[in-house]
Amino acid sequence: MRKPPIQVNDNIQLDPEELEEQFIRSSGPGGQNVNKVASAVQLRFDIRNSPSLPEDVRQKAEKLAGKRLSNDGVIIITADRYRLQERNREDALARLVALLSKAAEPVKPRRPTRPTAASRRRRLEDKSKRSGIKQTRRAKPSWD
């Protein structure tokens, strides 16, 4: 049975076949359970070869991924927050979807602003005060 696509946002869906899960033993405390059960998940997503992502989203996601991106363009997300394998799978997938949805957000254009009249006036008053302070520090000419 084929799994349903993973919804990132209204325009982007991931094919579950593009994701690769590997189960590893979790680190940290947990006693004997840590040594016996592979509950942590390493989720791998080959972002450079994914047909699901537009080019601009792919480039932005690669920047956002940071150290989670391998040299060959695979995003590796390790989830070991929970003791249950299924919860760690959900956590890893949610983190990947959050990364991709953040990359899919359009860049808000910057609107140039101008200083207000009051701020210009305050800046000029401060400059003249500072200038006055410095003028009083100057050495007075001696008329010997």
Protein backbone atom coordinates (compact mmCIF):
# COMPACT_ATOMS: atom_id res chain seq x y z
CA MET A 1 0.00 0.00 0.00
CA ARG A 2 1.33 3.40 -0.98
CA LYS A 3 1.72 6.05 1.74
CA PRO A 4 -0.06 9.40 1.29
CA PRO A 5 2.10 12.43 0.35
CA ILE A 6 3.52 14.57 3.14
CA GLN A 7 2.02 18.06 3.06
CA VAL A 8 4.57 20.87 3.60
CA ASN A 9 2.32 23.77 2.60
CA ASP A 10 -0.47 24.44 0.07
CA ASN A 11 1.90 24.16 -2.90
CA ILE A 12 4.50 21.60 -1.80
CA GLN A 13 4.02 17.90 -1.12
CA LEU A 14 6.77 15.36 -0.48
CA ASP A 15 6.64 11.80 -1.70
CA PRO A 16 7.30 9.49 1.28
CA GLU A 17 9.56 7.43 -1.02
CA GLU A 18 12.04 10.36 -0.99
CA LEU A 19 12.62 9.92 2.76
CA GLU A 20 14.92 7.30 4.21
CA GLU A 21 14.70 6.30 7.86
CA GLN A 22 17.43 4.56 9.78
CA PHE A 23 16.99 3.46 13.37
CA ILE A 24 19.94 3.82 15.73
CA ARG A 25 20.53 3.42 19.42
CA SER A 26 19.85 6.57 21.37
CA SER A 27 22.54 8.23 23.46
CA GLY A 28 22.24 9.54 26.99
CA PRO A 29 20.58 8.16 30.12
CA GLY A 30 18.08 5.34 30.08
CA GLY A 31 19.81 2.38 31.67
CA GLN A 32 19.70 -0.99 29.94
CA ASN A 33 16.99 0.20 27.58
CA VAL A 34 19.50 2.46 25.79
CA ASN A 35 21.77 -0.48 25.05
CA LYS A 36 19.01 -2.79 23.78
CA VAL A 37 16.54 -0.73 21.76
CA ALA A 38 17.16 1.28 18.59
CA SER A 39 14.62 4.01 19.32
CA ALA A 40 16.40 7.03 17.79
CA VAL A 41 15.68 7.89 14.16
CA GLN A 42 17.95 9.34 11.49
CA LEU A 43 15.76 10.81 8.76
CA ARG A 44 17.55 11.41 5.45
CA PHE A 45 16.16 13.59 2.68
CA ASP A 46 18.13 14.08 -0.53
CA ILE A 47 17.22 17.69 -1.15
CA ARG A 48 19.32 18.18 -4.30
CA ASN A 49 17.64 15.32 -6.16
CA SER A 50 14.10 15.91 -4.92
CA PRO A 51 11.57 16.59 -7.70
CA SER A 52 9.05 17.89 -5.12
CA LEU A 53 10.81 21.19 -4.35
CA PRO A 54 11.10 24.32 -6.49
CA GLU A 55 14.66 25.58 -7.01
CA ASP A 56 14.29 28.71 -4.83
CA VAL A 57 12.90 26.69 -1.91
CA ARG A 58 15.70 24.12 -2.35
CA GLN A 59 18.42 26.79 -2.15
CA LYS A 60 16.86 28.47 0.89
CA ALA A 61 16.38 25.12 2.66
CA GLU A 62 20.04 24.21 2.06
CA LYS A 63 21.08 27.44 3.79
CA LEU A 64 18.64 26.87 6.67
CA ALA A 65 19.76 23.27 7.14
CA GLY A 66 23.28 24.39 8.09
CA LYS A 67 25.33 21.57 9.61
CA ARG A 68 22.48 19.08 9.07
CA LEU A 69 23.24 19.17 5.33
CA SER A 70 25.88 16.67 4.19
CA ASN A 71 28.39 17.35 1.41
CA ASP A 72 26.35 15.37 -1.09
CA GLY A 73 23.15 17.37 -0.43
CA VAL A 74 21.34 15.10 2.02
CA ILE A 75 19.58 16.63 5.02
CA ILE A 76 20.08 14.38 8.04
CA ILE A 77 17.77 14.91 11.01
CA THR A 78 18.42 12.83 14.12
CA ALA A 79 15.54 12.53 16.59
CA ASP A 80 16.16 10.87 19.95
CA ARG A 81 14.02 13.03 22.21
CA TYR A 82 11.53 10.30 23.07
CA ARG A 83 11.80 6.70 24.26
CA LEU A 84 9.37 5.41 21.63
CA GLN A 85 10.58 4.85 18.08
CA GLU A 86 7.26 6.01 16.62
CA ARG A 87 7.35 9.33 18.50
CA ASN A 88 10.91 9.92 17.30
CA ARG A 89 9.81 9.21 13.71
CA GLU A 90 7.02 11.78 14.04
CA ASP A 91 9.42 14.28 15.64
CA ALA A 92 12.01 13.92 12.85
CA LEU A 93 9.36 14.29 10.16
CA ALA A 94 7.83 17.33 11.88
CA ARG A 95 11.27 18.99 12.07
CA LEU A 96 11.88 18.36 8.36
CA VAL A 97 8.46 19.75 7.43
CA ALA A 98 9.08 22.82 9.64
CA LEU A 99 12.44 23.44 7.92
CA LEU A 100 10.93 23.13 4.45
CA SER A 101 7.89 25.27 5.25
CA LYS A 102 10.17 27.99 6.63
CA ALA A 103 12.19 27.81 3.41
CA ALA A 104 8.98 28.08 1.36
CA GLU A 105 7.89 31.33 3.02
CA PRO A 106 8.30 34.25 0.61
CA VAL A 107 10.89 36.86 1.50
CA LYS A 108 9.25 40.01 2.79
CA PRO A 109 10.59 42.94 0.76
CA ARG A 110 12.20 45.70 2.76
CA ARG A 111 10.49 49.05 2.49
CA PRO A 112 12.94 51.89 2.89
CA THR A 113 11.94 54.27 5.66
CA ARG A 114 12.83 57.88 6.29
CA PRO A 115 13.64 59.44 9.64
CA THR A 116 10.86 61.55 11.15
CA ALA A 117 11.19 65.30 11.47
CA ALA A 118 11.38 65.01 15.27
CA SER A 119 14.21 62.46 15.11
CA ARG A 120 16.16 64.66 12.67
CA ARG A 121 15.69 67.64 14.99
CA ARG A 122 16.85 65.60 18.04
CA ARG A 123 19.90 64.37 16.13
CA LEU A 124 20.90 67.91 15.15
CA GLU A 125 20.34 69.20 18.71
CA ASP A 126 22.52 66.39 20.10
CA LYS A 127 25.21 67.22 17.54
CA SER A 128 25.22 70.88 18.49
CA LYS A 129 25.38 70.01 22.22
CA ARG A 130 28.30 67.68 21.58
CA SER A 131 29.98 70.35 19.48
CA GLY A 132 29.57 72.87 22.31
CA ILE A 133 31.10 70.42 24.81
CA LYS A 134 34.11 69.88 22.56
CA GLN A 135 34.56 73.63 21.95
CA THR A 136 34.77 74.29 25.69
CA ARG A 137 37.56 71.69 25.95
CA ARG A 138 39.76 73.44 23.42
CA ALA A 139 42.86 75.13 24.69
CA LYS A 140 42.29 78.88 24.98
CA PRO A 141 44.83 80.93 23.04
CA SER A 142 47.25 82.60 25.41
CA TRP A 143 48.05 86.26 24.52
CA ASP A 144 51.48 86.39 26.10
